[in-house]
């Protein structure tokens, strides 16, 4: 899989980031919250990212 960085909150790679794959999907790097109260299948997870990160991607029209 080839991955291209779309947007991040920093440059060191240790913060919320969105990536576009060559499969036409988006990978999300963020915090794993423990207090979400959701019931998820064992093969899925949720991550938390700032809403501003999504706004940045949309503003820059990178997808």
C-alpha atoms as a PDB file:
ATOM      1  CA  UNK A   1       0.000   0.000   0.000  1.00  0.00           C
ATOM      2  CA  UNK A   2       1.308   3.456  -0.888  1.00  0.00           C
ATOM      3  CA  UNK A   3       0.446   6.222   1.613  1.00  0.00           C
ATOM      4  CA  UNK A   4       0.522  10.006   1.106  1.00  0.00           C
ATOM      5  CA  UNK A   5       0.152  12.478   3.981  1.00  0.00           C
ATOM      6  CA  UNK A   6      -2.898  14.701   3.494  1.00  0.00           C
ATOM      7  CA  UNK A   7      -2.775  16.850   6.619  1.00  0.00           C
ATOM      8  CA  UNK A   8      -1.321  16.856  10.110  1.00  0.00           C
ATOM      9  CA  UNK A   9      -1.284  19.017  13.214  1.00  0.00           C
ATOM     10  CA  UNK A  10       2.521  18.881  13.361  1.00  0.00           C
ATOM     11  CA  UNK A  11       5.540  17.824  11.347  1.00  0.00           C
ATOM     12  CA  UNK A  12       7.213  15.250  13.627  1.00  0.00           C
ATOM     13  CA  UNK A  13       4.711  12.450  12.845  1.00  0.00           C
ATOM     14  CA  UNK A  14       3.605  12.031  16.447  1.00  0.00           C
ATOM     15  CA  UNK A  15       0.190  13.707  16.267  1.00  0.00           C
ATOM     16  CA  UNK A  16      -3.175  13.398  14.505  1.00  0.00           C
ATOM     17  CA  UNK A  17      -2.639  12.880  10.778  1.00  0.00           C
ATOM     18  CA  UNK A  18      -4.737  11.915   7.757  1.00  0.00           C
ATOM     19  CA  UNK A  19      -3.252   9.857   4.920  1.00  0.00           C
ATOM     20  CA  UNK A  20      -4.575   8.969   1.457  1.00  0.00           C
ATOM     21  CA  UNK A  21      -3.797   5.470   0.170  1.00  0.00           C
ATOM     22  CA  UNK A  22      -3.392   4.232  -3.381  1.00  0.00           C
ATOM     23  CA  UNK A  23      -6.473   2.097  -2.672  1.00  0.00           C
ATOM     24  CA  UNK A  24      -8.656   5.217  -2.540  1.00  0.00           C
ATOM     25  CA  UNK A  25      -9.040   5.012   1.238  1.00  0.00           C
ATOM     26  CA  UNK A  26      -8.040   7.313   4.103  1.00  0.00           C
ATOM     27  CA  UNK A  27      -5.930   6.248   7.096  1.00  0.00           C
ATOM     28  CA  UNK A  28      -6.395   8.117  10.370  1.00  0.00           C
ATOM     29  CA  UNK A  29      -3.710   8.501  13.038  1.00  0.00           C
ATOM     30  CA  UNK A  30      -4.987   9.781  16.367  1.00  0.00           C
ATOM     31  CA  UNK A  31      -5.617   9.094  20.028  1.00  0.00           C
ATOM     32  CA  UNK A  32      -7.452   5.901  21.001  1.00  0.00           C
ATOM     33  CA  UNK A  33     -10.162   7.024  23.433  1.00  0.00           C
ATOM     34  CA  UNK A  34     -11.256   4.591  26.139  1.00  0.00           C
ATOM     35  CA  UNK A  35     -14.380   6.427  27.301  1.00  0.00           C
ATOM     36  CA  UNK A  36     -16.457   6.446  24.086  1.00  0.00           C
ATOM     37  CA  UNK A  37     -19.109   3.971  25.275  1.00  0.00           C
ATOM     38  CA  UNK A  38     -19.412   2.357  21.830  1.00  0.00           C
ATOM     39  CA  UNK A  39     -19.686  -1.376  21.146  1.00  0.00           C
ATOM     40  CA  UNK A  40     -17.246  -2.202  18.369  1.00  0.00           C
ATOM     41  CA  UNK A  41     -16.423  -5.467  16.614  1.00  0.00           C
ATOM     42  CA  UNK A  42     -13.050  -6.939  17.626  1.00  0.00           C
ATOM     43  CA  UNK A  43     -11.518  -6.093  14.223  1.00  0.00           C
ATOM     44  CA  UNK A  44     -12.414  -2.356  14.424  1.00  0.00           C
ATOM     45  CA  UNK A  45     -11.305   0.593  16.521  1.00  0.00           C
ATOM     46  CA  UNK A  46     -11.993   4.306  16.787  1.00  0.00           C
ATOM     47  CA  UNK A  47      -9.526   7.156  16.910  1.00  0.00           C
ATOM     48  CA  UNK A  48     -10.065  10.748  17.952  1.00  0.00           C
ATOM     49  CA  UNK A  49      -8.764  13.629  15.845  1.00  0.00           C
ATOM     50  CA  UNK A  50      -9.377  17.381  15.980  1.00  0.00           C
ATOM     51  CA  UNK A  51     -12.237  18.607  13.766  1.00  0.00           C
ATOM     52  CA  UNK A  52      -9.842  21.285  12.497  1.00  0.00           C
ATOM     53  CA  UNK A  53      -7.758  18.566  10.850  1.00  0.00           C
ATOM     54  CA  UNK A  54     -10.738  17.577   8.680  1.00  0.00           C
ATOM     55  CA  UNK A  55     -11.411  21.231   7.898  1.00  0.00           C
ATOM     56  CA  UNK A  56      -7.786  21.644   6.842  1.00  0.00           C
ATOM     57  CA  UNK A  57      -7.997  18.732   4.372  1.00  0.00           C
ATOM     58  CA  UNK A  58     -11.251  20.012   2.915  1.00  0.00           C
ATOM     59  CA  UNK A  59      -9.948  23.593   2.731  1.00  0.00           C
ATOM     60  CA  UNK A  60      -6.816  22.441   0.916  1.00  0.00           C
ATOM     61  CA  UNK A  61      -8.961  20.218  -1.379  1.00  0.00           C
ATOM     62  CA  UNK A  62      -6.505  17.340  -1.112  1.00  0.00           C
ATOM     63  CA  UNK A  63      -9.103  14.586  -1.536  1.00  0.00           C
END
